[in-house]
Amino acid sequence: MQESDFERMGDFRVSKPFEETNTQQNGVVLLLGWAGGQFKHILKYASVYRERGFRVVIAPSGLHDWSVSDSNMIHKYDKLLPVFNHTECLQGQRHRALVHMFSNGGSRAWWAVQAALETKGTQMNLAGVIVDSAPGVARAWTDATFLTLGISNAVVSAVAKPLLALVLMVSSGVYHGLLGNKSVFDRIWSVMLQGDLAHVPRLFLYSKTDILVAPCDVEACIEKSKSSGVSVVRSLCFEDSEHVRHLATHPLEYTGALDAFMSNDCGFARAKM
């Protein structure tokens, strides 16, 4: 897919309707990008779903979203509601929807989407949720690693990372430990285990070698999802792919897991490739 295949709706992009008479729309997929993920990077995932008959909605997540208040995040994603109406994927409308979120940035966006929908007294006509490289928990060293990824100078990075980790550890201890405020990660985990979505199947895609989201954190969420009554919980752990790089590293296994999940657990028509 190319940028010209999409129309803008505010901060979001929506793929144009299928024009081919022999193409039956399978549903709608909402792609919630990772923090800092650019539109062009999410396009390759959009192509996977488009080939399978889905209309695609892309909602990028900015790095600055981590410093935005909960109320401002909800306000940002409240603007998705006209998009959902446009693509007819709210409860009572004709299309069923998938949500595919990437990393903690996309997971926080999903929390904000759910909060925005609740304020309007509605929900998506949700058939399944795919969680890619998430969720994590607050770890000072991991967060410092993420925040210093853009530093190309190895010496500067080596000095900045432990200092930043120390600052994050102290500030987190004060803000959450002493003041009792909930963290972004509390929000993320709350939406992962949201009781009124227990009927919605989940697929977790993660890696043993992810340095930003530890596999043990994802596996803890998988187990908690099962124990909290989520109807279907599937997972695929890759041996060697980097954070949000599973499709690029293992395209056949990745798309195979999506196809099996969408057809077997979500009831969508299997792709004719």
Protein backbone atom coordinates (compact mmCIF):
# COMPACT_ATOMS: atom_id res chain seq x y z
CA MET A 1 0.00 0.00 0.00
CA GLN A 2 1.00 3.61 -0.57
CA GLU A 3 0.05 6.89 1.07
CA SER A 4 -2.26 7.62 -1.85
CA ASP A 5 -4.36 4.59 -0.86
CA PHE A 6 -5.46 6.44 2.29
CA GLU A 7 -7.63 9.39 3.10
CA ARG A 8 -6.94 11.70 6.05
CA MET A 9 -9.42 12.05 8.87
CA GLY A 10 -7.78 14.43 11.33
CA ASP A 11 -4.68 12.78 12.82
CA PHE A 12 -5.67 9.40 11.42
CA ARG A 13 -5.55 7.66 8.05
CA VAL A 14 -8.27 5.46 6.59
CA SER A 15 -7.76 3.23 3.57
CA LYS A 16 -10.09 3.94 0.70
CA PRO A 17 -13.06 1.58 0.17
CA PHE A 18 -12.58 -1.50 -1.98
CA GLU A 19 -13.47 -0.66 -5.55
CA GLU A 20 -12.96 -4.09 -7.08
CA THR A 21 -16.30 -5.78 -7.64
CA ASN A 22 -14.80 -9.17 -6.75
CA THR A 23 -13.43 -8.03 -3.38
CA GLN A 24 -15.62 -8.62 -0.33
CA GLN A 25 -14.67 -6.50 2.66
CA ASN A 26 -13.72 -8.79 5.54
CA GLY A 27 -13.91 -6.16 8.27
CA VAL A 28 -12.04 -3.17 9.69
CA VAL A 29 -8.69 -3.21 11.45
CA LEU A 30 -7.40 -0.45 13.72
CA LEU A 31 -3.60 -0.26 13.80
CA LEU A 32 -2.34 1.55 16.91
CA GLY A 33 1.30 2.37 16.23
CA TRP A 34 4.25 2.20 18.60
CA ALA A 35 5.62 5.40 20.14
CA GLY A 36 7.46 7.28 17.42
CA GLY A 37 6.41 4.85 14.69
CA GLN A 38 5.94 6.74 11.44
CA PHE A 39 3.10 6.21 9.01
CA LYS A 40 5.45 4.65 6.45
CA HIS A 41 6.59 2.06 9.00
CA ILE A 42 3.02 0.97 9.76
CA LEU A 43 2.15 0.71 6.06
CA LYS A 44 3.64 -2.78 5.76
CA TYR A 45 1.16 -4.04 8.36
CA ALA A 46 -1.65 -2.24 6.57
CA SER A 47 -0.71 -4.13 3.40
CA VAL A 48 -1.00 -7.46 5.21
CA TYR A 49 -4.56 -6.67 6.27
CA ARG A 50 -5.57 -5.06 3.00
CA GLU A 51 -4.57 -8.23 1.14
CA ARG A 52 -6.93 -10.09 3.48
CA GLY A 53 -9.90 -7.89 2.70
CA PHE A 54 -9.77 -5.43 5.61
CA ARG A 55 -10.30 -1.72 5.52
CA VAL A 56 -7.45 -0.20 7.53
CA VAL A 57 -7.42 2.64 10.06
CA ILE A 58 -3.97 3.84 11.14
CA ALA A 59 -3.51 5.78 14.38
CA PRO A 60 0.20 6.65 14.91
CA SER A 61 1.50 7.19 18.44
CA GLY A 62 3.92 10.06 19.09
CA LEU A 63 6.86 9.96 21.48
CA HIS A 64 5.32 12.96 23.24
CA ASP A 65 2.26 10.86 24.15
CA TRP A 66 4.17 9.54 27.16
CA SER A 67 4.17 13.02 28.69
CA VAL A 68 0.52 13.73 27.88
CA SER A 69 -2.09 13.59 30.64
CA ASP A 70 -4.77 10.91 30.65
CA SER A 71 -7.48 13.46 29.84
CA ASN A 72 -5.56 14.79 26.83
CA MET A 73 -4.93 11.25 25.58
CA ILE A 74 -8.65 10.49 25.79
CA HIS A 75 -9.42 13.75 23.98
CA LYS A 76 -6.98 12.82 21.20
CA TYR A 77 -8.51 9.40 20.61
CA ASP A 78 -12.07 10.61 21.07
CA LYS A 79 -11.59 11.92 17.53
CA LEU A 80 -11.50 8.32 16.30
CA LEU A 81 -15.25 7.97 16.88
CA PRO A 82 -16.18 9.69 13.58
CA VAL A 83 -13.69 7.35 11.90
CA PHE A 84 -15.41 4.32 13.41
CA ASN A 85 -18.77 5.66 12.23
CA HIS A 86 -17.33 6.29 8.78
CA THR A 87 -16.03 2.72 8.53
CA GLU A 88 -19.17 1.30 10.21
CA CYS A 89 -17.43 -0.74 12.91
CA LEU A 90 -19.25 0.35 16.07
CA GLN A 91 -21.68 -1.91 17.90
CA GLY A 92 -24.81 -2.36 15.83
CA GLN A 93 -23.07 -1.43 12.58
CA ARG A 94 -22.33 -3.83 9.76
CA HIS A 95 -18.57 -4.42 10.01
CA ARG A 96 -16.67 -6.31 12.69
CA ALA A 97 -13.32 -4.97 13.80
CA LEU A 98 -9.87 -6.08 14.85
CA VAL A 99 -7.50 -3.99 16.95
CA HIS A 100 -3.77 -4.52 16.41
CA MET A 101 -1.64 -2.57 18.88
CA PHE A 102 2.13 -2.23 18.87
CA SER A 103 4.34 -1.89 21.93
CA ASN A 104 3.42 0.10 25.01
CA GLY A 105 2.67 3.20 22.93
CA GLY A 106 -0.07 1.44 20.99
CA SER A 107 -1.30 -0.22 24.18
CA ARG A 108 -1.72 3.12 25.94
CA ALA A 109 -3.55 4.39 22.87
CA TRP A 110 -5.92 1.41 23.19
CA TRP A 111 -6.60 2.37 26.80
CA ALA A 112 -7.45 5.91 25.62
CA VAL A 113 -9.68 4.59 22.81
CA GLN A 114 -11.59 2.44 25.29
CA ALA A 115 -11.95 5.34 27.73
CA ALA A 116 -13.22 7.61 24.94
CA LEU A 117 -15.76 5.00 23.80
CA GLU A 118 -17.02 4.52 27.35
CA THR A 119 -17.70 8.24 27.73
CA LYS A 120 -19.92 8.01 24.64
CA GLY A 121 -21.67 4.87 25.86
CA THR A 122 -20.60 2.76 22.91
CA GLN A 123 -18.03 0.14 21.88
CA MET A 124 -16.41 -1.13 18.72
CA ASN A 125 -17.97 -4.19 17.14
CA LEU A 126 -14.87 -6.03 18.29
CA ALA A 127 -13.95 -9.50 17.00
CA GLY A 128 -10.36 -9.80 18.18
CA VAL A 129 -7.30 -8.05 19.64
CA ILE A 130 -3.67 -8.54 18.57
CA VAL A 131 -1.00 -7.39 21.03
CA ASP A 132 2.41 -7.00 19.37
CA SER A 133 5.52 -6.53 21.57
CA ALA A 134 3.52 -5.59 24.67
CA PRO A 135 2.66 -5.05 27.44
CA GLY A 136 5.67 -4.19 29.53
CA VAL A 137 6.06 -2.92 33.06
CA ALA A 138 7.91 0.11 34.38
CA ARG A 139 11.63 -0.68 34.54
CA ALA A 140 14.06 2.22 34.83
CA TRP A 141 16.82 0.59 32.76
CA THR A 142 14.45 -0.52 30.00
CA ASP A 143 12.82 2.91 29.82
CA ALA A 144 16.24 4.57 29.72
CA THR A 145 17.24 2.23 26.89
CA PHE A 146 14.18 3.29 24.91
CA LEU A 147 14.77 7.01 25.54
CA THR A 148 18.41 6.82 24.44
CA LEU A 149 17.87 4.80 21.26
CA GLY A 150 18.32 7.91 19.14
CA ILE A 151 21.78 8.72 20.52
CA SER A 152 24.31 7.62 17.91
CA ASN A 153 27.42 8.45 19.95
CA ALA A 154 28.26 5.31 21.94
CA VAL A 155 30.11 7.21 24.67
CA VAL A 156 27.29 9.70 25.21
CA SER A 157 24.77 6.86 25.25
CA ALA A 158 26.82 4.88 27.78
CA VAL A 159 26.92 7.89 30.11
CA ALA A 160 23.36 9.07 29.58
CA LYS A 161 21.62 5.72 30.04
CA PRO A 162 22.55 5.01 33.70
CA LEU A 163 22.00 8.65 34.68
CA LEU A 164 18.59 8.67 33.05
CA ALA A 165 17.73 5.32 34.65
CA LEU A 166 18.58 6.77 38.09
CA VAL A 167 16.41 9.83 37.47
CA LEU A 168 13.52 7.64 36.33
CA MET A 169 13.88 5.36 39.34
CA VAL A 170 13.81 8.24 41.81
CA SER A 171 10.97 10.12 40.10
CA SER A 172 8.90 6.94 39.82
CA GLY A 173 9.43 6.18 43.48
CA VAL A 174 8.19 9.64 44.45
CA TYR A 175 5.32 9.93 41.97
CA HIS A 176 3.94 6.41 42.34
CA GLY A 177 5.34 5.12 45.62
CA LEU A 178 4.95 8.16 47.87
CA LEU A 179 2.11 10.00 46.15
CA GLY A 180 0.19 6.89 45.12
CA ASN A 181 -0.43 8.00 41.54
CA LYS A 182 -1.17 5.37 38.91
CA SER A 183 1.39 4.92 36.15
CA VAL A 184 0.93 4.66 32.39
CA PHE A 185 1.62 0.94 32.78
CA ASP A 186 -1.25 0.59 35.25
CA ARG A 187 -3.54 1.99 32.56
CA ILE A 188 -2.14 -0.39 29.95
CA TRP A 189 -2.60 -3.47 32.09
CA SER A 190 -6.10 -2.42 33.15
CA VAL A 191 -7.31 -2.39 29.55
CA MET A 192 -5.58 -5.70 28.81
CA LEU A 193 -7.59 -7.33 31.59
CA GLN A 194 -10.81 -5.35 31.14
CA GLY A 195 -13.67 -7.58 32.26
CA ASP A 196 -16.29 -6.49 29.73
CA LEU A 197 -13.95 -7.49 26.90
CA ALA A 198 -13.33 -11.00 28.23
CA HIS A 199 -15.31 -12.47 25.33
CA VAL A 200 -12.90 -10.99 22.79
CA PRO A 201 -10.11 -13.37 21.63
CA ARG A 202 -6.48 -12.22 22.06
CA LEU A 203 -3.28 -12.98 20.19
CA PHE A 204 0.06 -12.02 21.75
CA LEU A 205 3.11 -11.74 19.48
CA TYR A 206 6.45 -11.24 21.23
CA SER A 207 10.11 -12.25 21.28
CA LYS A 208 12.64 -13.80 23.63
CA THR A 209 15.22 -11.19 22.61
CA ASP A 210 13.16 -7.99 22.93
CA ILE A 211 15.22 -5.52 24.98
CA LEU A 212 12.36 -3.04 25.44
CA VAL A 213 9.53 -5.32 26.57
CA ALA A 214 10.67 -8.35 28.53
CA PRO A 215 9.10 -11.65 27.42
CA CYS A 216 8.36 -12.49 31.05
CA ASP A 217 6.08 -9.43 31.23
CA VAL A 218 4.12 -10.50 28.15
CA GLU A 219 3.87 -14.04 29.51
CA ALA A 220 2.59 -12.69 32.83
CA CYS A 221 -0.16 -10.82 30.94
CA ILE A 222 -0.99 -13.96 28.97
CA GLU A 223 -1.43 -15.94 32.19
CA LYS A 224 -3.45 -13.18 33.84
CA SER A 225 -5.67 -12.96 30.75
CA LYS A 226 -6.37 -16.68 30.97
CA SER A 227 -7.04 -16.61 34.71
CA SER A 228 -9.30 -13.54 34.41
CA GLY A 229 -11.61 -15.38 32.02
CA VAL A 230 -10.63 -14.14 28.56
CA SER A 231 -12.36 -16.59 26.24
CA VAL A 232 -9.47 -17.29 23.84
CA VAL A 233 -5.80 -16.47 24.43
CA ARG A 234 -3.27 -17.35 21.73
CA SER A 235 0.41 -16.48 21.64
CA LEU A 236 3.51 -16.85 19.51
CA CYS A 237 6.99 -16.21 20.88
CA PHE A 238 9.73 -15.64 18.32
CA GLU A 239 13.28 -16.69 19.09
CA ASP A 240 15.32 -13.79 17.74
CA SER A 241 13.31 -10.83 16.40
CA GLU A 242 13.75 -7.31 17.74
CA HIS A 243 11.06 -5.11 19.24
CA VAL A 244 8.14 -4.65 16.76
CA ARG A 245 10.29 -6.36 14.10
CA HIS A 246 8.62 -9.78 14.11
CA LEU A 247 6.90 -9.33 10.74
CA ALA A 248 10.12 -8.19 9.08
CA THR A 249 12.16 -11.05 10.59
CA HIS A 250 9.65 -13.89 10.37
CA PRO A 251 7.05 -12.90 7.74
CA LEU A 252 5.63 -16.37 7.09
CA GLU A 253 5.27 -17.31 10.76
CA TYR A 254 3.84 -13.89 11.62
CA THR A 255 1.21 -13.79 8.88
CA GLY A 256 0.44 -17.48 9.48
CA ALA A 257 -0.36 -16.73 13.13
CA LEU A 258 -2.57 -13.81 12.08
CA ASP A 259 -4.41 -15.91 9.51
CA ALA A 260 -5.06 -18.75 11.95
CA PHE A 261 -6.24 -16.35 14.65
CA MET A 262 -8.52 -14.36 12.36
CA SER A 263 -10.17 -17.39 10.78
CA ASN A 264 -10.24 -19.91 13.65
CA ASP A 265 -10.85 -17.60 16.62
CA CYS A 266 -12.43 -14.46 15.16
CA GLY A 267 -14.54 -15.98 12.40
CA PHE A 268 -13.19 -13.97 9.47
CA ALA A 269 -12.90 -15.48 6.01
CA ARG A 270 -9.48 -17.03 5.43
CA ALA A 271 -7.29 -15.10 3.04
CA LYS A 272 -7.09 -16.30 -0.57
CA MET A 273 -3.52 -15.42 -1.42
